């Protein structure tokens, strides 16, 4: 890879990512608009605030890359995407000067596009999504036919943690692909394999509508679809204190945190088991990251993607709690007080009995604290560490305050010490 542009581009992470996906090419910042014979990827909207890299010279594919809508996306953002997509179809890419040039080797060129073309049995061009900086961040591509039709979504595991997540999502897609869903649509597994040092997951795209689901408020979880997922993997009633999930969480403590954090976490698990020795919950499966931006409505079905956190043997209702918390934290920030407020909302309630709802909230928090502590040891860890601290504070406070989710004026809550999350 070379960087033939101003010095601040040298070592730019996007250049490194593109270079890894075109390993036999010379990759650099393009000095201007598209030159003859060069493949270029265009920053949208620009290199200062990039959201996508789209393929120059493929108007329909570039436009289609923008037309992805989730349930959370506000109307104004939908309209902006539709306008930008219309502009790209009309040739407005010539106005976008921020680009990455990819000059392929004349001898045996090798790239993610040639690999995907072989997997899908037809010529492929790709766009590259640019996500938030976090430990689980990985390249996510859309594979298009040059005519603009979306053929697949592709996830690239390019590190130890992300390779593990790609493998877990492939396993999840195999499992959920055996179920005939009435209320959900899920991606179909097309391919999983190794390419160079990467794990590559290829899955079918889900059709989404540009029009928002006005009758389905974003903060309200799709409870019927969540119950359908739970019913498909029902495990029956289990004692929380002796469940396999609690055992798994406890076993992972030594490798997830420093001594002080591990002690706080272990103490919370001890309190859960001591305070609720006879609590019984329904156990089944959860998506693991069911949030408004990982789904969309199409007619009466939920289009649900990002299955890398799917897990069986967990209490029914954890997806509901995660959804409600995710929606509230997006506007208020991921802080300990916000977590407690979210878990006390009526929309988060899965069980009628307060004791069951309390222990469900504690087990959910123990699960996501474990996730964040594990993620905090990898690259781009700062946002994850902040979320781990907030969730652990909420877990520690609630484990010492039985009934706090149902008692107004119950005294001081956890301190508001952590800023907004992703």
Protein backbone atom coordinates (compact mmCIF):
# COMPACT_ATOMS: atom_id res chain seq x y z
CA UNK A 1 0.00 0.00 0.00
CA UNK A 2 1.15 3.51 -0.73
CA UNK A 3 -0.32 6.85 0.29
CA UNK A 4 0.18 9.30 -2.54
CA UNK A 5 -1.63 12.17 -0.86
CA UNK A 6 -1.18 14.59 2.04
CA UNK A 7 0.68 13.29 5.04
CA UNK A 8 -2.34 12.93 7.34
CA UNK A 9 -3.52 10.05 5.16
CA UNK A 10 -0.48 7.88 5.84
CA UNK A 11 -1.49 4.78 7.79
CA UNK A 12 -5.18 5.75 7.59
CA UNK A 13 -7.16 2.73 8.89
CA UNK A 14 -9.48 2.71 5.89
CA UNK A 15 -6.52 2.55 3.56
CA UNK A 16 -5.22 -0.37 5.58
CA UNK A 17 -8.59 -2.12 5.39
CA UNK A 18 -8.91 -1.64 1.64
CA UNK A 19 -5.31 -2.75 1.12
CA UNK A 20 -6.03 -5.96 3.07
CA UNK A 21 -9.05 -6.67 0.87
CA UNK A 22 -7.06 -6.05 -2.34
CA UNK A 23 -3.73 -7.62 -1.29
CA UNK A 24 -2.17 -7.69 -4.79
CA UNK A 25 -3.10 -4.09 -5.61
CA UNK A 26 -1.46 -0.75 -5.00
CA UNK A 27 -3.83 1.24 -2.81
CA UNK A 28 -3.56 4.99 -2.29
CA UNK A 29 -5.58 8.14 -1.84
CA UNK A 30 -6.73 9.30 -5.27
CA UNK A 31 -5.47 12.82 -6.02
CA UNK A 32 -8.70 13.84 -7.75
CA UNK A 33 -11.63 12.49 -9.65
CA UNK A 34 -11.59 9.17 -11.40
CA UNK A 35 -8.66 8.54 -13.67
CA UNK A 36 -8.64 6.24 -16.70
CA UNK A 37 -8.34 2.53 -15.94
CA UNK A 38 -8.23 2.85 -12.17
CA UNK A 39 -10.68 1.22 -9.81
CA UNK A 40 -11.78 3.70 -7.18
CA UNK A 41 -13.86 3.63 -4.04
CA UNK A 42 -15.69 6.84 -3.20
CA UNK A 43 -16.17 8.18 0.33
CA UNK A 44 -19.83 8.96 1.06
CA UNK A 45 -20.52 11.66 2.06
CA UNK A 46 -16.81 12.58 2.38
CA UNK A 47 -13.56 11.46 3.97
CA UNK A 48 -14.05 13.64 7.05
CA UNK A 49 -17.32 11.95 8.00
CA UNK A 50 -17.36 8.69 6.04
CA UNK A 51 -20.31 6.30 6.16
CA UNK A 52 -19.63 4.18 3.10
CA UNK A 53 -17.10 3.43 0.42
CA UNK A 54 -18.93 2.82 -2.85
CA UNK A 55 -17.55 1.61 -6.21
CA UNK A 56 -16.91 4.38 -8.75
CA UNK A 57 -18.28 3.73 -12.22
CA UNK A 58 -21.17 1.58 -10.96
CA UNK A 59 -23.99 4.06 -10.49
CA UNK A 60 -26.76 1.61 -9.63
CA UNK A 61 -24.66 -0.40 -7.21
CA UNK A 62 -23.41 2.78 -5.50
CA UNK A 63 -26.97 4.09 -5.20
CA UNK A 64 -28.29 0.77 -3.88
CA UNK A 65 -25.61 0.73 -1.17
CA UNK A 66 -27.25 3.80 0.36
CA UNK A 67 -30.75 2.32 0.40
CA UNK A 68 -30.45 0.36 3.62
CA UNK A 69 -32.93 1.37 6.29
CA UNK A 70 -33.38 0.16 9.86
CA UNK A 71 -36.24 0.74 12.28
CA UNK A 72 -34.36 3.43 14.20
CA UNK A 73 -33.48 5.63 11.20
CA UNK A 74 -35.41 8.95 11.35
CA UNK A 75 -37.40 10.22 8.37
CA UNK A 76 -34.98 13.06 7.65
CA UNK A 77 -32.09 10.59 7.35
CA UNK A 78 -34.14 8.32 5.11
CA UNK A 79 -34.89 11.24 2.82
CA UNK A 80 -31.23 12.24 2.72
CA UNK A 81 -30.20 8.72 1.75
CA UNK A 82 -32.86 8.54 -0.95
CA UNK A 83 -31.79 11.90 -2.36
CA UNK A 84 -28.12 10.88 -2.30
CA UNK A 85 -28.93 7.57 -3.97
CA UNK A 86 -30.88 9.39 -6.67
CA UNK A 87 -27.93 11.69 -7.23
CA UNK A 88 -25.53 8.76 -7.62
CA UNK A 89 -27.85 7.10 -10.14
CA UNK A 90 -27.84 10.35 -12.13
CA UNK A 91 -24.03 10.52 -12.18
CA UNK A 92 -23.36 12.80 -9.20
CA UNK A 93 -20.37 10.65 -8.20
CA UNK A 94 -18.24 12.95 -10.33
CA UNK A 95 -18.83 15.63 -7.67
CA UNK A 96 -17.33 13.44 -4.93
CA UNK A 97 -13.60 13.93 -5.03
CA UNK A 98 -12.59 12.00 -1.88
CA UNK A 99 -11.56 8.58 -3.13
CA UNK A 100 -9.30 5.59 -2.66
CA UNK A 101 -7.56 4.31 -5.80
CA UNK A 102 -6.99 0.57 -6.25
CA UNK A 103 -4.56 -0.37 -9.02
CA UNK A 104 -4.59 -4.14 -9.52
CA UNK A 105 -1.60 -6.24 -10.48
CA UNK A 106 -1.56 -7.36 -14.12
CA UNK A 107 -0.57 -10.86 -13.02
CA UNK A 108 -3.05 -12.99 -11.06
CA UNK A 109 -5.00 -10.22 -9.33
CA UNK A 110 -6.49 -11.34 -6.04
CA UNK A 111 -9.14 -9.43 -4.09
CA UNK A 112 -12.26 -9.86 -2.02
CA UNK A 113 -14.21 -9.13 -5.21
CA UNK A 114 -12.61 -12.00 -7.11
CA UNK A 115 -13.18 -14.30 -4.12
CA UNK A 116 -16.85 -13.33 -3.83
CA UNK A 117 -17.32 -13.63 -7.59
CA UNK A 118 -16.23 -17.26 -7.33
CA UNK A 119 -18.46 -17.89 -4.30
CA UNK A 120 -21.54 -16.32 -5.90
CA UNK A 121 -20.87 -17.54 -9.44
CA UNK A 122 -21.07 -14.12 -11.07
CA UNK A 123 -19.19 -10.84 -11.30
CA UNK A 124 -19.28 -8.84 -8.08
CA UNK A 125 -18.50 -5.28 -7.02
CA UNK A 126 -18.61 -4.29 -3.36
CA UNK A 127 -19.35 -1.38 -1.10
CA UNK A 128 -17.76 -1.14 2.34
CA UNK A 129 -19.68 -0.03 5.42
CA UNK A 130 -17.84 2.04 7.98
CA UNK A 131 -19.10 1.33 11.49
CA UNK A 132 -18.46 2.84 14.88
CA UNK A 133 -15.06 2.23 16.46
CA UNK A 134 -15.40 -0.69 18.88
CA UNK A 135 -13.77 -3.98 19.74
CA UNK A 136 -16.17 -6.02 17.59
CA UNK A 137 -15.82 -3.75 14.55
CA UNK A 138 -15.21 -5.65 11.34
CA UNK A 139 -15.45 -4.89 7.61
CA UNK A 140 -19.05 -5.33 6.44
CA UNK A 141 -19.55 -5.39 2.68
CA UNK A 142 -22.48 -5.43 0.31
CA UNK A 143 -21.87 -7.51 -2.79
CA UNK A 144 -23.61 -6.24 -5.92
CA UNK A 145 -23.99 -7.35 -9.48
CA UNK A 146 -22.59 -4.55 -11.65
CA UNK A 147 -26.17 -3.82 -12.74
CA UNK A 148 -26.97 -2.82 -9.15
CA UNK A 149 -28.76 -5.84 -7.69
CA UNK A 150 -27.70 -6.68 -4.13
CA UNK A 151 -26.49 -10.29 -4.04
CA UNK A 152 -25.30 -10.66 -0.47
CA UNK A 153 -24.05 -9.12 2.73
CA UNK A 154 -20.53 -10.10 3.73
CA UNK A 155 -18.77 -9.94 7.08
CA UNK A 156 -14.99 -10.21 7.33
CA UNK A 157 -13.35 -11.54 10.48
CA UNK A 158 -9.97 -9.83 10.44
CA UNK A 159 -8.86 -10.33 14.07
CA UNK A 160 -9.15 -13.01 16.72
CA UNK A 161 -12.36 -11.63 18.29
CA UNK A 162 -14.04 -10.82 14.97
CA UNK A 163 -13.13 -14.21 13.47
CA UNK A 164 -14.84 -15.80 16.47
CA UNK A 165 -17.93 -13.65 15.94
CA UNK A 166 -18.09 -14.53 12.24
CA UNK A 167 -17.95 -18.22 13.17
CA UNK A 168 -20.67 -17.78 15.80
CA UNK A 169 -22.94 -15.97 13.36
CA UNK A 170 -22.48 -18.72 10.78
CA UNK A 171 -23.48 -21.30 13.40
CA UNK A 172 -26.49 -19.18 14.38
CA UNK A 173 -27.64 -18.80 10.77
CA UNK A 174 -27.46 -22.57 10.29
CA UNK A 175 -29.60 -23.10 13.39
CA UNK A 176 -32.24 -20.45 12.77
CA UNK A 177 -32.36 -21.42 9.11
CA UNK A 178 -34.02 -24.71 10.12
CA UNK A 179 -37.05 -22.91 11.59
CA UNK A 180 -40.09 -21.80 9.61
CA UNK A 181 -40.76 -18.31 10.97
CA UNK A 182 -44.15 -16.62 10.88
CA UNK A 183 -43.27 -13.22 12.32
CA UNK A 184 -39.63 -12.82 11.29
CA UNK A 185 -37.42 -12.94 8.23
CA UNK A 186 -33.78 -13.85 8.78
CA UNK A 187 -30.72 -14.00 6.48
CA UNK A 188 -29.88 -17.28 4.78
CA UNK A 189 -26.33 -18.59 5.08
CA UNK A 190 -24.73 -18.67 1.63
CA UNK A 191 -21.09 -19.36 2.44
CA UNK A 192 -18.54 -19.34 5.22
CA UNK A 193 -14.88 -19.89 4.52
CA UNK A 194 -11.31 -18.68 4.85
CA UNK A 195 -9.61 -16.26 2.51
CA UNK A 196 -6.01 -15.33 3.29
CA UNK A 197 -6.03 -14.67 7.07
CA UNK A 198 -9.72 -13.75 7.13
CA UNK A 199 -12.92 -15.59 7.93
CA UNK A 200 -15.59 -14.65 5.41
CA UNK A 201 -19.33 -14.96 6.03
CA UNK A 202 -21.71 -14.48 3.10
CA UNK A 203 -25.45 -14.23 3.73
CA UNK A 204 -28.54 -13.27 1.79
CA UNK A 205 -29.76 -9.66 1.98
CA UNK A 206 -33.06 -8.86 3.65
CA UNK A 207 -35.48 -6.58 1.77
CA UNK A 208 -36.25 -3.40 3.69
CA UNK A 209 -38.63 -0.52 3.05
CA UNK A 210 -37.68 3.12 2.80
CA UNK A 211 -40.95 4.11 4.42
CA UNK A 212 -40.79 4.03 8.24
CA UNK A 213 -43.24 1.89 10.23
CA UNK A 214 -45.25 4.81 11.62
CA UNK A 215 -47.59 2.59 13.62
CA UNK A 216 -44.74 0.85 15.42
CA UNK A 217 -43.00 3.29 17.82
CA UNK A 218 -39.26 2.73 18.01
CA UNK A 219 -39.09 2.46 21.83
CA UNK A 220 -41.63 -0.39 21.90
CA UNK A 221 -40.05 -3.84 21.40
CA UNK A 222 -41.58 -6.30 18.89
CA UNK A 223 -42.66 -8.63 21.69
CA UNK A 224 -44.56 -11.15 19.53
CA UNK A 225 -41.55 -11.78 17.30
CA UNK A 226 -39.32 -12.07 20.37
CA UNK A 227 -41.66 -14.69 21.82
CA UNK A 228 -41.61 -16.60 18.53
CA UNK A 229 -37.82 -16.79 18.72
CA UNK A 230 -37.99 -17.96 22.33
CA UNK A 231 -40.62 -20.64 21.58
CA UNK A 232 -38.49 -22.09 18.81
CA UNK A 233 -35.70 -22.91 21.27
CA UNK A 234 -37.64 -23.48 24.49
CA UNK A 235 -35.67 -25.17 27.29
CA UNK A 236 -38.37 -25.08 29.98
CA UNK A 237 -38.25 -23.66 33.50
CA UNK A 238 -34.94 -23.57 35.35
CA UNK A 239 -33.69 -22.41 38.72
CA UNK A 240 -31.69 -19.26 38.04
CA UNK A 241 -29.19 -19.85 40.85
CA UNK A 242 -28.08 -23.22 39.47
CA UNK A 243 -28.53 -22.54 35.76
CA UNK A 244 -25.87 -23.22 33.18
CA UNK A 245 -25.77 -19.53 32.30
CA UNK A 246 -24.78 -18.47 35.82
CA UNK A 247 -22.11 -21.17 35.81
CA UNK A 248 -20.73 -19.93 32.47
CA UNK A 249 -20.67 -16.33 33.66
CA UNK A 250 -18.88 -17.24 36.87
CA UNK A 251 -16.32 -19.40 35.07
CA UNK A 252 -15.35 -16.51 32.79
CA UNK A 253 -14.70 -13.96 35.57
CA UNK A 254 -10.93 -14.59 35.99
CA UNK A 255 -10.17 -13.86 32.35
CA UNK A 256 -12.43 -10.84 31.86
CA UNK A 257 -11.20 -8.19 34.27
CA UNK A 258 -8.69 -6.79 36.72
CA UNK A 259 -8.89 -8.04 40.30
CA UNK A 260 -11.06 -5.20 41.65
CA UNK A 261 -13.55 -5.43 38.78
CA UNK A 262 -13.63 -9.21 38.99
CA UNK A 263 -14.38 -8.98 42.72
CA UNK A 264 -17.26 -6.54 42.15
CA UNK A 265 -18.67 -8.76 39.43
CA UNK A 266 -18.30 -11.95 41.49
CA UNK A 267 -19.97 -10.27 44.46
CA UNK A 268 -22.96 -9.39 42.29
CA UNK A 269 -23.25 -12.99 41.08
CA UNK A 270 -23.06 -14.16 44.71
CA UNK A 271 -25.91 -11.82 45.66
CA UNK A 272 -28.07 -13.01 42.77
CA UNK A 273 -27.68 -16.61 43.88
CA UNK A 274 -28.12 -15.80 47.59
CA UNK A 275 -31.15 -13.51 47.23
CA UNK A 276 -32.99 -15.61 44.65
CA UNK A 277 -32.21 -19.26 45.50
CA UNK A 278 -35.69 -20.43 44.45
CA UNK A 279 -36.39 -18.06 41.53
CA UNK A 280 -37.48 -19.87 38.38
CA UNK A 281 -37.52 -18.41 34.86
CA UNK A 282 -38.37 -19.75 31.41
CA UNK A 283 -35.20 -20.53 29.46
CA UNK A 284 -34.88 -20.50 25.68
CA UNK A 285 -32.72 -18.41 23.30
CA UNK A 286 -32.04 -14.78 22.54
CA UNK A 287 -30.78 -12.88 19.53
CA UNK A 288 -28.30 -11.14 21.82
CA UNK A 289 -28.27 -7.72 20.15
CA UNK A 290 -31.89 -7.09 19.22
CA UNK A 291 -31.99 -3.32 18.87
CA UNK A 292 -33.93 -0.90 16.62
CA UNK A 293 -30.95 -0.60 14.25
CA UNK A 294 -30.58 -4.37 13.79
CA UNK A 295 -34.10 -4.79 12.44
CA UNK A 296 -36.72 -3.31 10.16
CA UNK A 297 -40.41 -3.84 9.59
CA UNK A 298 -41.69 -5.13 6.25
CA UNK A 299 -45.41 -5.60 6.18
CA UNK A 300 -46.08 -7.47 9.44
CA UNK A 301 -42.75 -9.24 9.68
CA UNK A 302 -39.57 -8.21 11.46
CA UNK A 303 -36.48 -8.30 9.26
CA UNK A 304 -33.77 -9.21 11.78
CA UNK A 305 -30.03 -9.31 11.14
CA UNK A 306 -26.70 -9.39 13.04
CA UNK A 307 -26.97 -12.80 14.72
CA UNK A 308 -23.40 -13.00 16.00
CA UNK A 309 -24.52 -12.79 19.66
CA UNK A 310 -27.21 -15.47 19.40
CA UNK A 311 -27.23 -17.85 22.35
CA UNK A 312 -29.43 -20.62 23.73
CA UNK A 313 -29.96 -21.54 27.37
CA UNK A 314 -30.81 -18.01 28.55
CA UNK A 315 -33.92 -16.61 30.28
CA UNK A 316 -36.83 -15.53 28.12
CA UNK A 317 -37.12 -11.74 28.16
CA UNK A 318 -33.48 -10.74 27.78
CA UNK A 319 -34.05 -9.58 24.18
CA UNK A 320 -36.86 -7.32 25.39
CA UNK A 321 -34.66 -5.74 28.06
CA UNK A 322 -31.79 -5.25 25.62
CA UNK A 323 -34.05 -3.60 23.04
CA UNK A 324 -35.60 -1.18 25.53
CA UNK A 325 -32.22 -0.27 27.00
CA UNK A 326 -30.64 0.18 23.56
CA UNK A 327 -33.41 2.53 22.42
CA UNK A 328 -33.25 4.68 25.57
CA UNK A 329 -29.45 4.77 25.73
CA UNK A 330 -29.29 6.00 22.14
CA UNK A 331 -30.87 9.27 23.25
CA UNK A 332 -29.82 9.52 26.93
CA UNK A 333 -26.38 7.90 26.84
CA UNK A 334 -25.26 4.55 28.18
CA UNK A 335 -25.00 5.40 31.87
CA UNK A 336 -25.82 3.48 35.03
CA UNK A 337 -28.90 5.65 35.81
CA UNK A 338 -30.17 5.21 32.24
CA UNK A 339 -29.75 1.45 32.52
CA UNK A 340 -31.79 1.34 35.73
CA UNK A 341 -34.49 3.59 34.24
CA UNK A 342 -34.73 1.45 31.12
CA UNK A 343 -35.06 -1.81 33.03
CA UNK A 344 -37.90 -0.30 35.12
CA UNK A 345 -39.97 0.80 32.10
CA UNK A 346 -43.30 -0.96 31.49
CA UNK A 347 -42.14 -1.92 27.99
CA UNK A 348 -39.30 -3.93 29.54
CA UNK A 349 -41.63 -6.11 31.62
CA UNK A 350 -41.69 -9.78 30.66
CA UNK A 351 -42.97 -11.33 33.90
CA UNK A 352 -45.94 -10.43 36.09
CA UNK A 353 -44.24 -11.36 39.35
CA UNK A 354 -41.83 -8.60 40.48
CA UNK A 355 -39.31 -11.11 41.83
CA UNK A 356 -39.00 -12.81 38.45
CA UNK A 357 -38.61 -9.48 36.67
CA UNK A 358 -35.92 -8.42 39.16
CA UNK A 359 -33.84 -11.54 38.72
CA UNK A 360 -34.29 -11.39 34.94
CA UNK A 361 -32.86 -7.85 34.93
CA UNK A 362 -29.91 -8.93 37.07
CA UNK A 363 -29.09 -11.95 34.91
CA UNK A 364 -29.34 -9.79 31.78
CA UNK A 365 -26.97 -7.20 33.25
CA UNK A 366 -24.54 -9.90 34.38
CA UNK A 367 -24.54 -11.23 30.81
CA UNK A 368 -23.81 -7.93 29.08
CA UNK A 369 -21.23 -6.94 31.70
CA UNK A 370 -19.46 -10.19 30.89
CA UNK A 371 -19.63 -9.37 27.18
CA UNK A 372 -18.24 -5.87 27.63
CA UNK A 373 -15.48 -6.98 30.00
CA UNK A 374 -14.40 -9.58 27.47
CA UNK A 375 -14.43 -7.01 24.67
CA UNK A 376 -12.49 -4.46 26.71
CA UNK A 377 -9.26 -6.46 26.30
CA UNK A 378 -9.14 -6.03 22.53
CA UNK A 379 -8.44 -3.18 20.11
CA UNK A 380 -10.71 -0.10 20.02
CA UNK A 381 -11.62 -0.94 23.60
CA UNK A 382 -12.33 2.50 25.12
CA UNK A 383 -16.06 2.64 24.23
CA UNK A 384 -16.49 -0.93 25.47
CA UNK A 385 -14.69 -0.17 28.74
CA UNK A 386 -17.03 2.77 29.36
CA UNK A 387 -20.07 0.58 28.74
CA UNK A 388 -18.67 -2.17 30.97
CA UNK A 389 -18.19 0.32 33.81
CA UNK A 390 -21.74 1.67 33.49
CA UNK A 391 -23.35 -1.77 33.27
CA UNK A 392 -21.28 -3.09 36.18
CA UNK A 393 -22.25 -0.10 38.33
CA UNK A 394 -25.94 -0.72 37.58
CA UNK A 395 -25.56 -4.45 38.24
CA UNK A 396 -23.77 -3.88 41.55
CA UNK A 397 -26.36 -1.32 42.71
CA UNK A 398 -29.42 -3.38 41.72
CA UNK A 399 -28.03 -6.58 43.22
CA UNK A 400 -27.92 -4.80 46.60
CA UNK A 401 -31.38 -3.17 46.20
CA UNK A 402 -34.06 -5.86 45.84
CA UNK A 403 -37.27 -4.42 44.43
CA UNK A 404 -35.64 -1.15 43.34
CA UNK A 405 -37.08 -1.49 39.82
CA UNK A 406 -40.61 -1.39 41.26
CA UNK A 407 -40.27 1.14 44.10
CA UNK A 408 -40.51 4.85 43.39
CA UNK A 409 -38.47 7.09 45.65
CA UNK A 410 -36.25 4.21 46.71
CA UNK A 411 -33.34 6.47 47.57
CA UNK A 412 -30.24 7.51 45.62
CA UNK A 413 -29.50 5.50 42.53
CA UNK A 414 -26.24 4.79 40.77
CA UNK A 415 -24.19 7.84 39.88
CA UNK A 416 -24.36 9.33 36.39
CA UNK A 417 -20.66 8.99 35.60
CA UNK A 418 -20.41 7.55 32.09
CA UNK A 419 -21.05 9.43 28.85
CA UNK A 420 -23.05 8.40 25.83
CA UNK A 421 -22.41 5.01 24.29
CA UNK A 422 -22.63 3.85 20.69
